[in-house]
Amino acid sequence: MRPRSFVPCVLCVLCVLCVLPVTGPAALGQASADPEPGVNPQAAALSVFAERVADYMELRSRLAAQMPPLSQTATPEELDRYREELAGAIRKARAHARQGDFFTPAVVPQFRTIIRNDLRSREARDAMAALQDVPPTLSLRVHASWPRNAPRATVPARLLNNLYHLPEGLEYRFIGRHLVLLDITADLIVDYVTNVVPSSIRRR
């Protein structure tokens, strides 16, 4: 009687192993890239915005600490020079900055909805009054200085209260229909999002 060959058995085992699901590190890494169940996408997007704001403020503080301190009795010329030097240091440190670093595609709808709902909830006269000092549309660019002769209209208090609260030194401003994230110490446009103000309101 001839001994039974073990080759077919080995082939069968290999075939079974090939069709089993992968449970090694590669599979675990793929699973970890998926969003965690139960996480609110809006909250997650706003959390990213907040983290990037905090990182920017930490960077700006570190750069400012490397500069000669500004005297409390500094002249307007000294203030301008300090502002320009700080802005230059920020531009160098964030050489690859671009639009959307803070106002990411995931968080922009929240800002746009809050602003539009606020303006549409006002009477036409109130909505126009809220935007009466807003400068007309100008060329926007990340790391550009605020236009020297453009007014700096403050965001209405009720609207500001509904937006994410910024740390001291960063402010929201409007230019035309666009929302700007402005570093008021360095006089620097940090980021911006376009067309947050309904065109119908700007035409009234």
N, C-alpha and C. Protein backbone atom coordinates (compact mmCIF):
# COMPACT_ATOMS: atom_id res chain seq x y z
N MET A 1 0.86 -1.20 0.00
CA MET A 1 0.00 0.00 0.00
C MET A 1 0.89 1.24 0.00
N ARG A 2 0.67 2.20 -0.93
CA ARG A 2 1.49 3.41 -1.05
C ARG A 2 1.11 4.42 0.03
N PRO A 3 2.11 5.09 0.62
CA PRO A 3 1.81 6.12 1.66
C PRO A 3 1.06 7.31 1.05
N ARG A 4 0.14 7.84 1.81
CA ARG A 4 -0.66 8.98 1.34
C ARG A 4 0.21 10.25 1.27
N SER A 5 0.06 10.97 0.17
CA SER A 5 0.86 12.19 -0.01
C SER A 5 0.30 13.32 0.84
N PHE A 6 1.22 14.10 1.45
CA PHE A 6 0.80 15.24 2.28
C PHE A 6 0.69 16.54 1.47
N VAL A 7 1.07 16.52 0.21
CA VAL A 7 1.05 17.74 -0.60
C VAL A 7 -0.34 18.33 -0.72
N PRO A 8 -1.38 17.53 -1.05
CA PRO A 8 -2.73 18.12 -1.16
C PRO A 8 -3.18 18.77 0.13
N CYS A 9 -2.81 18.16 1.28
CA CYS A 9 -3.23 18.74 2.56
C CYS A 9 -2.58 20.09 2.79
N VAL A 10 -1.28 20.17 2.46
CA VAL A 10 -0.58 21.44 2.63
C VAL A 10 -1.18 22.52 1.75
N LEU A 11 -1.53 22.17 0.53
CA LEU A 11 -2.14 23.14 -0.38
C LEU A 11 -3.48 23.62 0.15
N CYS A 12 -4.23 22.73 0.74
CA CYS A 12 -5.54 23.14 1.28
C CYS A 12 -5.37 24.14 2.43
N VAL A 13 -4.36 23.88 3.30
CA VAL A 13 -4.13 24.80 4.42
C VAL A 13 -3.73 26.18 3.93
N LEU A 14 -2.86 26.21 2.88
CA LEU A 14 -2.43 27.49 2.33
C LEU A 14 -3.60 28.25 1.74
N CYS A 15 -4.49 27.56 1.08
CA CYS A 15 -5.66 28.23 0.48
C CYS A 15 -6.53 28.85 1.54
N VAL A 16 -6.71 28.13 2.65
CA VAL A 16 -7.54 28.66 3.75
C VAL A 16 -6.91 29.91 4.34
N LEU A 17 -5.57 29.88 4.53
CA LEU A 17 -4.89 31.04 5.08
C LEU A 17 -5.01 32.25 4.19
N CYS A 18 -5.02 32.06 2.87
CA CYS A 18 -5.08 33.17 1.94
C CYS A 18 -6.40 33.91 2.01
N VAL A 19 -7.48 33.22 2.35
CA VAL A 19 -8.80 33.86 2.34
C VAL A 19 -9.19 34.37 3.72
N LEU A 20 -8.38 34.07 4.76
CA LEU A 20 -8.70 34.60 6.08
C LEU A 20 -8.48 36.10 6.13
N PRO A 21 -9.27 36.87 6.89
CA PRO A 21 -9.08 38.32 7.00
C PRO A 21 -7.76 38.64 7.67
N VAL A 22 -7.13 39.74 7.21
CA VAL A 22 -5.86 40.18 7.78
C VAL A 22 -6.13 40.89 9.10
N THR A 23 -5.41 40.49 10.13
CA THR A 23 -5.60 41.11 11.44
C THR A 23 -4.30 41.68 11.98
N GLY A 24 -3.33 41.83 11.13
CA GLY A 24 -2.03 42.33 11.55
C GLY A 24 -2.01 43.83 11.66
N PRO A 25 -0.84 44.43 11.81
CA PRO A 25 -0.71 45.89 11.99
C PRO A 25 -1.29 46.69 10.86
N ALA A 26 -1.19 46.19 9.62
CA ALA A 26 -1.72 46.95 8.48
C ALA A 26 -3.21 47.13 8.60
N ALA A 27 -3.90 46.05 8.97
CA ALA A 27 -5.35 46.14 9.10
C ALA A 27 -5.73 47.05 10.25
N LEU A 28 -4.98 46.99 11.37
CA LEU A 28 -5.29 47.85 12.51
C LEU A 28 -5.06 49.31 12.17
N GLY A 29 -4.02 49.59 11.39
CA GLY A 29 -3.76 50.97 11.00
C GLY A 29 -4.86 51.52 10.14
N GLN A 30 -5.41 50.70 9.25
CA GLN A 30 -6.50 51.15 8.39
C GLN A 30 -7.74 51.43 9.21
N ALA A 31 -8.01 50.59 10.19
CA ALA A 31 -9.19 50.80 11.01
C ALA A 31 -9.07 52.07 11.84
N SER A 32 -7.85 52.35 12.34
CA SER A 32 -7.68 53.52 13.19
C SER A 32 -7.82 54.82 12.43
N ALA A 33 -7.71 54.78 11.07
CA ALA A 33 -7.87 55.99 10.28
C ALA A 33 -9.31 56.40 10.12
N ASP A 34 -10.24 55.49 10.38
CA ASP A 34 -11.65 55.80 10.26
C ASP A 34 -12.09 56.65 11.43
N PRO A 35 -13.09 57.54 11.24
CA PRO A 35 -13.58 58.36 12.34
C PRO A 35 -14.12 57.50 13.47
N GLU A 36 -13.88 57.93 14.69
CA GLU A 36 -14.41 57.20 15.82
C GLU A 36 -15.92 57.32 15.85
N PRO A 37 -16.60 56.22 16.10
CA PRO A 37 -18.07 56.28 16.15
C PRO A 37 -18.53 57.17 17.28
N GLY A 38 -19.56 57.93 17.01
CA GLY A 38 -20.12 58.79 18.04
C GLY A 38 -19.51 60.18 18.11
N VAL A 39 -18.44 60.46 17.33
CA VAL A 39 -17.81 61.78 17.35
C VAL A 39 -18.62 62.74 16.47
N ASN A 40 -18.97 63.89 17.02
CA ASN A 40 -19.71 64.90 16.27
C ASN A 40 -18.77 65.56 15.25
N PRO A 41 -19.05 65.44 13.94
CA PRO A 41 -18.14 66.02 12.93
C PRO A 41 -17.96 67.52 13.09
N GLN A 42 -19.02 68.24 13.47
CA GLN A 42 -18.90 69.68 13.65
C GLN A 42 -18.01 70.02 14.83
N ALA A 43 -18.17 69.28 15.91
CA ALA A 43 -17.32 69.51 17.08
C ALA A 43 -15.87 69.18 16.76
N ALA A 44 -15.66 68.12 15.99
CA ALA A 44 -14.30 67.74 15.62
C ALA A 44 -13.65 68.81 14.75
N ALA A 45 -14.41 69.37 13.80
CA ALA A 45 -13.87 70.41 12.92
C ALA A 45 -13.54 71.67 13.71
N LEU A 46 -14.39 72.03 14.65
CA LEU A 46 -14.14 73.22 15.47
C LEU A 46 -12.95 72.99 16.40
N SER A 47 -12.77 71.75 16.83
CA SER A 47 -11.63 71.43 17.67
C SER A 47 -10.32 71.62 16.91
N VAL A 48 -10.30 71.25 15.64
CA VAL A 48 -9.12 71.45 14.81
C VAL A 48 -8.84 72.94 14.66
N PHE A 49 -9.88 73.74 14.44
CA PHE A 49 -9.72 75.19 14.35
C PHE A 49 -9.11 75.74 15.63
N ALA A 50 -9.64 75.30 16.77
CA ALA A 50 -9.14 75.79 18.07
C ALA A 50 -7.69 75.39 18.29
N GLU A 51 -7.33 74.19 17.92
CA GLU A 51 -5.94 73.73 18.09
C GLU A 51 -4.98 74.55 17.24
N ARG A 52 -5.39 74.87 16.02
CA ARG A 52 -4.50 75.64 15.15
C ARG A 52 -4.38 77.08 15.61
N VAL A 53 -5.44 77.62 16.16
CA VAL A 53 -5.36 78.96 16.75
C VAL A 53 -4.39 78.95 17.92
N ALA A 54 -4.49 77.95 18.77
CA ALA A 54 -3.60 77.85 19.93
C ALA A 54 -2.15 77.69 19.49
N ASP A 55 -1.92 76.88 18.47
CA ASP A 55 -0.55 76.68 17.96
C ASP A 55 0.01 77.98 17.39
N TYR A 56 -0.84 78.74 16.71
CA TYR A 56 -0.38 80.01 16.15
C TYR A 56 0.00 80.98 17.26
N MET A 57 -0.84 81.06 18.29
CA MET A 57 -0.56 81.99 19.37
C MET A 57 0.73 81.60 20.11
N GLU A 58 0.96 80.32 20.25
CA GLU A 58 2.21 79.86 20.88
C GLU A 58 3.41 80.26 20.03
N LEU A 59 3.29 80.09 18.71
CA LEU A 59 4.38 80.48 17.82
C LEU A 59 4.62 81.98 17.89
N ARG A 60 3.55 82.77 17.85
CA ARG A 60 3.72 84.22 17.88
C ARG A 60 4.35 84.68 19.18
N SER A 61 3.95 84.08 20.29
CA SER A 61 4.54 84.44 21.59
C SER A 61 6.02 84.10 21.62
N ARG A 62 6.39 82.97 21.05
CA ARG A 62 7.80 82.58 21.04
C ARG A 62 8.62 83.53 20.17
N LEU A 63 8.08 83.93 19.04
CA LEU A 63 8.79 84.86 18.16
C LEU A 63 8.89 86.25 18.80
N ALA A 64 7.83 86.68 19.44
CA ALA A 64 7.84 88.00 20.09
C ALA A 64 8.85 88.04 21.23
N ALA A 65 9.03 86.90 21.91
CA ALA A 65 9.98 86.85 23.02
C ALA A 65 11.42 86.99 22.55
N GLN A 66 11.66 86.71 21.28
CA GLN A 66 13.01 86.82 20.72
C GLN A 66 13.33 88.23 20.24
N MET A 67 12.32 89.11 20.28
CA MET A 67 12.51 90.48 19.82
C MET A 67 12.76 91.40 21.00
N PRO A 68 13.39 92.54 20.77
CA PRO A 68 13.55 93.53 21.85
C PRO A 68 12.18 93.95 22.36
N PRO A 69 12.01 94.03 23.67
CA PRO A 69 10.70 94.41 24.21
C PRO A 69 10.30 95.81 23.78
N LEU A 70 9.00 95.97 23.61
CA LEU A 70 8.47 97.26 23.18
C LEU A 70 8.16 98.11 24.41
N SER A 71 8.69 99.32 24.42
CA SER A 71 8.47 100.23 25.55
C SER A 71 7.02 100.68 25.60
N GLN A 72 6.53 100.89 26.81
CA GLN A 72 5.17 101.39 26.98
C GLN A 72 5.02 102.82 26.46
N THR A 73 6.13 103.49 26.30
CA THR A 73 6.10 104.86 25.78
C THR A 73 6.60 104.91 24.33
N ALA A 74 6.47 103.80 23.64
CA ALA A 74 6.96 103.72 22.26
C ALA A 74 6.24 104.72 21.37
N THR A 75 6.95 105.28 20.45
CA THR A 75 6.39 106.24 19.49
C THR A 75 5.63 105.48 18.40
N PRO A 76 4.78 106.16 17.65
CA PRO A 76 4.09 105.49 16.55
C PRO A 76 5.07 104.84 15.56
N GLU A 77 6.20 105.48 15.33
CA GLU A 77 7.19 104.90 14.43
C GLU A 77 7.77 103.61 15.00
N GLU A 78 8.02 103.59 16.29
CA GLU A 78 8.54 102.37 16.93
C GLU A 78 7.49 101.27 16.93
N LEU A 79 6.24 101.63 17.11
CA LEU A 79 5.16 100.63 17.05
C LEU A 79 5.07 100.02 15.66
N ASP A 80 5.16 100.85 14.64
CA ASP A 80 5.11 100.35 13.26
C ASP A 80 6.29 99.42 12.97
N ARG A 81 7.47 99.79 13.45
CA ARG A 81 8.66 98.97 13.22
C ARG A 81 8.54 97.63 13.94
N TYR A 82 8.04 97.66 15.16
CA TYR A 82 7.85 96.42 15.92
C TYR A 82 6.85 95.52 15.20
N ARG A 83 5.76 96.11 14.74
CA ARG A 83 4.72 95.36 14.05
C ARG A 83 5.27 94.73 12.77
N GLU A 84 6.05 95.48 12.03
CA GLU A 84 6.62 94.97 10.78
C GLU A 84 7.62 93.85 11.04
N GLU A 85 8.43 94.00 12.08
CA GLU A 85 9.42 92.96 12.40
C GLU A 85 8.73 91.68 12.87
N LEU A 86 7.69 91.82 13.67
CA LEU A 86 6.96 90.64 14.14
C LEU A 86 6.27 89.96 12.97
N ALA A 87 5.65 90.75 12.10
CA ALA A 87 4.99 90.18 10.93
C ALA A 87 6.00 89.44 10.04
N GLY A 88 7.18 90.03 9.88
CA GLY A 88 8.22 89.39 9.07
C GLY A 88 8.66 88.06 9.67
N ALA A 89 8.79 88.02 11.00
CA ALA A 89 9.19 86.78 11.67
C ALA A 89 8.12 85.70 11.51
N ILE A 90 6.86 86.11 11.58
CA ILE A 90 5.76 85.15 11.42
C ILE A 90 5.72 84.62 10.00
N ARG A 91 5.90 85.50 9.02
CA ARG A 91 5.91 85.06 7.63
C ARG A 91 7.03 84.04 7.38
N LYS A 92 8.18 84.30 7.97
CA LYS A 92 9.31 83.39 7.78
C LYS A 92 9.04 82.05 8.44
N ALA A 93 8.49 82.08 9.64
CA ALA A 93 8.23 80.83 10.37
C ALA A 93 7.09 80.03 9.74
N ARG A 94 6.17 80.72 9.08
CA ARG A 94 5.03 80.04 8.44
C ARG A 94 5.11 80.25 6.92
N ALA A 95 6.25 79.92 6.39
CA ALA A 95 6.50 80.19 4.97
C ALA A 95 5.54 79.46 4.04
N HIS A 96 4.99 78.36 4.51
CA HIS A 96 4.10 77.56 3.65
C HIS A 96 2.63 77.76 4.01
N ALA A 97 2.33 78.82 4.74
CA ALA A 97 0.94 79.09 5.12
C ALA A 97 0.09 79.37 3.89
N ARG A 98 -1.14 78.96 3.96
CA ARG A 98 -2.05 79.17 2.83
C ARG A 98 -3.48 79.30 3.34
N GLN A 99 -4.34 79.79 2.48
CA GLN A 99 -5.75 79.92 2.85
C GLN A 99 -6.32 78.55 3.19
N GLY A 100 -7.06 78.49 4.26
CA GLY A 100 -7.68 77.23 4.67
C GLY A 100 -6.93 76.51 5.77
N ASP A 101 -5.80 77.06 6.21
CA ASP A 101 -5.07 76.42 7.30
C ASP A 101 -5.89 76.44 8.60
N PHE A 102 -6.65 77.51 8.80
CA PHE A 102 -7.49 77.64 9.98
C PHE A 102 -8.95 77.39 9.62
N PHE A 103 -9.42 78.12 8.61
CA PHE A 103 -10.79 77.92 8.14
C PHE A 103 -10.78 76.74 7.17
N THR A 104 -10.74 75.54 7.73
CA THR A 104 -10.69 74.33 6.92
C THR A 104 -12.03 74.10 6.24
N PRO A 105 -12.06 73.32 5.16
CA PRO A 105 -13.34 73.03 4.50
C PRO A 105 -14.37 72.42 5.44
N ALA A 106 -13.89 71.72 6.47
CA ALA A 106 -14.83 71.08 7.39
C ALA A 106 -15.50 72.06 8.33
N VAL A 107 -14.81 73.18 8.65
CA VAL A 107 -15.35 74.11 9.63
C VAL A 107 -16.00 75.33 8.98
N VAL A 108 -15.68 75.61 7.73
CA VAL A 108 -16.24 76.79 7.04
C VAL A 108 -17.77 76.82 7.07
N PRO A 109 -18.47 75.70 6.80
CA PRO A 109 -19.94 75.77 6.83
C PRO A 109 -20.49 76.26 8.16
N GLN A 110 -19.83 75.97 9.26
CA GLN A 110 -20.31 76.44 10.56
C GLN A 110 -20.24 77.96 10.65
N PHE A 111 -19.12 78.53 10.24
CA PHE A 111 -18.98 79.99 10.27
C PHE A 111 -19.98 80.64 9.32
N ARG A 112 -20.10 80.09 8.13
CA ARG A 112 -21.00 80.67 7.15
C ARG A 112 -22.45 80.62 7.64
N THR A 113 -22.85 79.52 8.24
CA THR A 113 -24.22 79.38 8.73
C THR A 113 -24.50 80.34 9.88
N ILE A 114 -23.56 80.45 10.83
CA ILE A 114 -23.76 81.34 11.98
C ILE A 114 -23.89 82.79 11.52
N ILE A 115 -23.02 83.21 10.61
CA ILE A 115 -23.04 84.60 10.15
C ILE A 115 -24.31 84.90 9.36
N ARG A 116 -24.66 84.01 8.45
CA ARG A 116 -25.85 84.26 7.62
C ARG A 116 -27.13 84.22 8.45
N ASN A 117 -27.21 83.30 9.39
CA ASN A 117 -28.40 83.25 10.23
C ASN A 117 -28.53 84.50 11.08
N ASP A 118 -27.40 85.01 11.56
CA ASP A 118 -27.44 86.23 12.36
C ASP A 118 -27.92 87.42 11.53
N LEU A 119 -27.36 87.59 10.35
CA LEU A 119 -27.72 88.74 9.53
C LEU A 119 -29.16 88.64 9.02
N ARG A 120 -29.60 87.44 8.69
CA ARG A 120 -30.96 87.27 8.19
C ARG A 120 -32.00 87.42 9.28
N SER A 121 -31.58 87.24 10.53
CA SER A 121 -32.52 87.38 11.64
C SER A 121 -32.75 88.86 12.00
N ARG A 122 -31.94 89.74 11.46
CA ARG A 122 -32.06 91.16 11.74
C ARG A 122 -33.00 91.83 10.73
N GLU A 123 -33.54 92.93 11.15
CA GLU A 123 -34.26 93.77 10.20
C GLU A 123 -33.28 94.28 9.15
N ALA A 124 -33.78 94.58 7.98
CA ALA A 124 -32.90 95.02 6.89
C ALA A 124 -32.03 96.20 7.32
N ARG A 125 -32.63 97.14 8.04
CA ARG A 125 -31.87 98.31 8.47
C ARG A 125 -30.76 97.91 9.45
N ASP A 126 -31.07 96.97 10.36
CA ASP A 126 -30.07 96.54 11.33
C ASP A 126 -28.94 95.77 10.65
N ALA A 127 -29.30 94.96 9.68
CA ALA A 127 -28.27 94.19 8.97
C ALA A 127 -27.32 95.11 8.24
N MET A 128 -27.87 96.14 7.61
CA MET A 128 -27.02 97.09 6.90
C MET A 128 -26.17 97.89 7.88
N ALA A 129 -26.75 98.23 9.04
CA ALA A 129 -26.00 98.99 10.03
C ALA A 129 -24.83 98.17 10.57
N ALA A 130 -25.04 96.87 10.68
CA ALA A 130 -23.98 96.00 11.19
C ALA A 130 -22.80 95.94 10.24
N LEU A 131 -23.06 96.22 8.97
CA LEU A 131 -22.01 96.12 7.95
C LEU A 131 -21.65 97.46 7.33
N GLN A 132 -22.13 98.55 7.89
CA GLN A 132 -21.96 99.84 7.22
C GLN A 132 -20.50 100.28 7.16
N ASP A 133 -19.68 99.86 8.14
CA ASP A 133 -18.28 100.26 8.15
C ASP A 133 -17.35 99.23 7.51
N VAL A 134 -17.93 98.18 6.96
CA VAL A 134 -17.11 97.13 6.35
C VAL A 134 -16.50 97.66 5.06
N PRO A 135 -15.19 97.55 4.90
CA PRO A 135 -14.56 98.04 3.66
C PRO A 135 -15.00 97.21 2.47
N PRO A 136 -14.96 97.78 1.28
CA PRO A 136 -15.35 97.04 0.09
C PRO A 136 -14.37 95.90 -0.17
N THR A 137 -14.75 95.05 -1.11
CA THR A 137 -13.90 93.90 -1.42
C THR A 137 -12.52 94.36 -1.88
N LEU A 138 -11.50 93.82 -1.24
CA LEU A 138 -10.12 94.11 -1.58
C LEU A 138 -9.42 92.79 -1.85
N SER A 139 -8.24 92.88 -2.41
CA SER A 139 -7.47 91.68 -2.67
C SER A 139 -7.01 91.06 -1.36
N LEU A 140 -7.37 89.80 -1.13
CA LEU A 140 -7.01 89.12 0.10
C LEU A 140 -5.88 88.14 -0.15
N ARG A 141 -4.97 88.07 0.80
CA ARG A 141 -3.85 87.14 0.71
C ARG A 141 -3.36 86.83 2.11
N VAL A 142 -3.14 85.54 2.38
CA VAL A 142 -2.61 85.14 3.67
C VAL A 142 -1.25 85.80 3.89
N HIS A 143 -1.06 86.34 5.07
CA HIS A 143 0.17 87.03 5.50
C HIS A 143 0.31 88.43 4.91
N ALA A 144 -0.73 88.91 4.23
CA ALA A 144 -0.72 90.31 3.82
C ALA A 144 -1.11 91.17 5.02
N SER A 145 -0.66 92.40 5.01
CA SER A 145 -1.06 93.34 6.05
C SER A 145 -2.46 93.85 5.75
N TRP A 146 -3.15 94.27 6.80
CA TRP A 146 -4.47 94.86 6.60
C TRP A 146 -4.30 96.14 5.78
N PRO A 147 -5.14 96.33 4.77
CA PRO A 147 -5.01 97.55 3.94
C PRO A 147 -4.94 98.80 4.81
N ARG A 148 -3.92 99.61 4.60
CA ARG A 148 -3.63 100.73 5.49
C ARG A 148 -4.81 101.69 5.63
N ASN A 149 -5.48 101.99 4.54
CA ASN A 149 -6.55 102.99 4.59
C ASN A 149 -7.94 102.38 4.73
N ALA A 150 -8.01 101.06 4.89
CA ALA A 150 -9.31 100.40 5.01
C ALA A 150 -9.81 100.49 6.44
N PRO A 151 -11.12 100.78 6.64
CA PRO A 151 -11.65 100.81 8.00
C PRO A 151 -11.59 99.43 8.64
N ARG A 152 -11.62 99.41 9.95
CA ARG A 152 -11.56 98.15 10.69
C ARG A 152 -12.87 97.97 11.44
N ALA A 153 -13.89 97.60 10.70
CA ALA A 153 -15.21 97.44 11.30
C ALA A 153 -15.21 96.27 12.27
N THR A 154 -15.73 96.49 13.46
CA THR A 154 -15.82 95.42 14.44
C THR A 154 -17.02 94.53 14.12
N VAL A 155 -16.90 93.27 14.48
CA VAL A 155 -18.00 92.33 14.28
C VAL A 155 -19.06 92.62 15.33
N PRO A 156 -20.33 92.70 14.96
CA PRO A 156 -21.40 92.99 15.93
C PRO A 156 -21.32 92.04 17.13
N ALA A 157 -21.60 92.59 18.31
CA ALA A 157 -21.41 91.83 19.55
C ALA A 157 -22.24 90.55 19.57
N ARG A 158 -23.48 90.61 19.12
CA ARG A 158 -24.33 89.42 19.16
C ARG A 158 -23.76 88.32 18.27
N LEU A 159 -23.29 88.71 17.10
CA LEU A 159 -22.68 87.74 16.20
C LEU A 159 -21.37 87.21 16.78
N LEU A 160 -20.57 88.10 17.33
CA LEU A 160 -19.29 87.69 17.90
C LEU A 160 -19.48 86.67 19.01
N ASN A 161 -20.54 86.83 19.77
CA ASN A 161 -20.80 85.92 20.88
C ASN A 161 -21.12 84.51 20.40
N ASN A 162 -21.60 84.39 19.16
CA ASN A 162 -21.96 83.08 18.62
C ASN A 162 -20.80 82.40 17.89
N LEU A 163 -19.75 83.15 17.61
CA LEU A 163 -18.58 82.58 16.95
C LEU A 163 -17.61 82.02 18.00
N TYR A 164 -16.68 81.21 17.52
CA TYR A 164 -15.66 80.68 18.43
C TYR A 164 -14.88 81.86 19.04
N HIS A 165 -14.72 81.84 20.35
CA HIS A 165 -14.06 82.95 21.04
C HIS A 165 -12.55 82.87 20.84
N LEU A 166 -11.99 83.92 20.29
CA LEU A 166 -10.57 83.96 19.97
C LEU A 166 -9.76 84.48 21.15
N PRO A 167 -8.50 84.07 21.26
CA PRO A 167 -7.63 84.63 22.30
C PRO A 167 -7.28 86.07 21.97
N GLU A 168 -6.84 86.79 22.99
CA GLU A 168 -6.47 88.19 22.80
C GLU A 168 -5.35 88.31 21.78
N GLY A 169 -5.53 89.21 20.84
CA GLY A 169 -4.55 89.39 19.79
C GLY A 169 -5.02 88.93 18.43
N LEU A 170 -6.02 88.05 18.41
CA LEU A 170 -6.65 87.63 17.16
C LEU A 170 -8.09 88.12 17.15
N GLU A 171 -8.53 88.59 16.00
CA GLU A 171 -9.90 89.10 15.88
C GLU A 171 -10.50 88.70 14.54
N TYR A 172 -11.83 88.64 14.52
CA TYR A 172 -12.56 88.48 13.27
C TYR A 172 -12.82 89.86 12.68
N ARG A 173 -12.66 89.98 11.38
CA ARG A 173 -12.99 91.22 10.68
C ARG A 173 -13.66 90.86 9.35
N PHE A 174 -14.43 91.82 8.84
CA PHE A 174 -15.03 91.64 7.53
C PHE A 174 -14.33 92.53 6.50
N ILE A 175 -14.13 91.98 5.33
CA ILE A 175 -13.75 92.76 4.15
C ILE A 175 -14.71 92.37 3.05
N GLY A 176 -15.53 93.30 2.62
CA GLY A 176 -16.55 92.95 1.64
C GLY A 176 -17.48 91.89 2.22
N ARG A 177 -17.61 90.78 1.52
CA ARG A 177 -18.45 89.68 1.98
C ARG A 177 -17.62 88.60 2.67
N HIS A 178 -16.36 88.90 2.94
CA HIS A 178 -15.44 87.86 3.41
C HIS A 178 -15.09 88.05 4.88
N LEU A 179 -14.89 86.93 5.57
CA LEU A 179 -14.49 86.95 6.97
C LEU A 179 -12.98 86.74 7.06
N VAL A 180 -12.32 87.59 7.84
CA VAL A 180 -10.86 87.55 7.96
C VAL A 180 -10.49 87.22 9.40
N LEU A 181 -9.47 86.38 9.55
CA LEU A 181 -8.85 86.14 10.85
C LEU A 181 -7.61 87.01 10.90
N LEU A 182 -7.65 88.03 11.76
CA LEU A 182 -6.61 89.06 11.76
C LEU A 182 -5.81 89.04 13.05
N ASP A 183 -4.49 89.03 12.89
CA ASP A 183 -3.58 89.22 14.02
C ASP A 183 -3.41 90.72 14.18
N ILE A 184 -4.03 91.29 15.20
CA ILE A 184 -4.02 92.75 15.33
C ILE A 184 -2.69 93.26 15.86
N THR A 185 -1.90 92.40 16.49
CA THR A 185 -0.59 92.83 16.99
C THR A 185 0.40 92.95 15.85
N ALA A 186 0.40 91.95 14.96
CA ALA A 186 1.30 91.97 13.81
C ALA A 186 0.65 92.60 12.59
N ASP A 187 -0.64 92.96 12.71
CA ASP A 187 -1.38 93.55 11.59
C ASP A 187 -1.30 92.62 10.37
N LEU A 188 -1.62 91.36 10.61
CA LEU A 188 -1.40 90.32 9.61
C LEU A 188 -2.68 89.53 9.37
N ILE A 189 -3.01 89.32 8.11
CA ILE A 189 -4.14 88.46 7.76
C ILE A 189 -3.67 87.01 7.88
N VAL A 190 -4.18 86.30 8.87
CA VAL A 190 -3.75 84.94 9.15
C VAL A 190 -4.48 83.95 8.25
N ASP A 191 -5.77 84.18 8.03
CA ASP A 191 -6.57 83.32 7.15
C ASP A 191 -7.85 84.07 6.82
N TYR A 192 -8.61 83.54 5.89
CA TYR A 192 -9.88 84.17 5.54
C TYR A 192 -10.78 83.14 4.86
N VAL A 193 -12.06 83.43 4.89
CA VAL A 193 -13.05 82.59 4.19
C VAL A 193 -13.95 83.52 3.40
N THR A 194 -14.18 83.18 2.16
CA THR A 194 -14.89 84.07 1.25
C THR A 194 -16.40 83.87 1.30
N ASN A 195 -17.10 84.95 0.95
CA ASN A 195 -18.54 84.93 0.70
C ASN A 195 -19.36 84.39 1.87
N VAL A 196 -19.05 84.86 3.07
CA VAL A 196 -19.86 84.44 4.22
C VAL A 196 -21.08 85.35 4.39
N VAL A 197 -21.02 86.55 3.85
CA VAL A 197 -22.15 87.48 3.93
C VAL A 197 -23.00 87.31 2.69
N PRO A 198 -24.30 87.08 2.84
CA PRO A 198 -25.17 86.91 1.68
C PRO A 198 -25.11 88.13 0.77
N SER A 199 -25.03 87.88 -0.52
CA SER A 199 -24.96 88.97 -1.48
C SER A 199 -26.20 89.84 -1.44
N SER A 200 -27.34 89.27 -1.08
CA SER A 200 -28.58 90.04 -1.02
C SER A 200 -28.51 91.13 0.03
N ILE A 201 -27.81 90.87 1.14
CA ILE A 201 -27.69 91.87 2.19
C ILE A 201 -26.77 92.98 1.76
N ARG A 202 -25.67 92.63 1.10
CA ARG A 202 -24.72 93.65 0.65
C ARG A 202 -25.31 94.55 -0.44
N ARG A 203 -26.33 94.06 -1.14
CA ARG A 203 -26.94 94.88 -2.21
C ARG A 203 -28.01 95.81 -1.68
N ARG A 204 -28.47 95.60 -0.45
CA ARG A 204 -29.57 96.43 0.03
C ARG A 204 -29.14 97.88 0.22
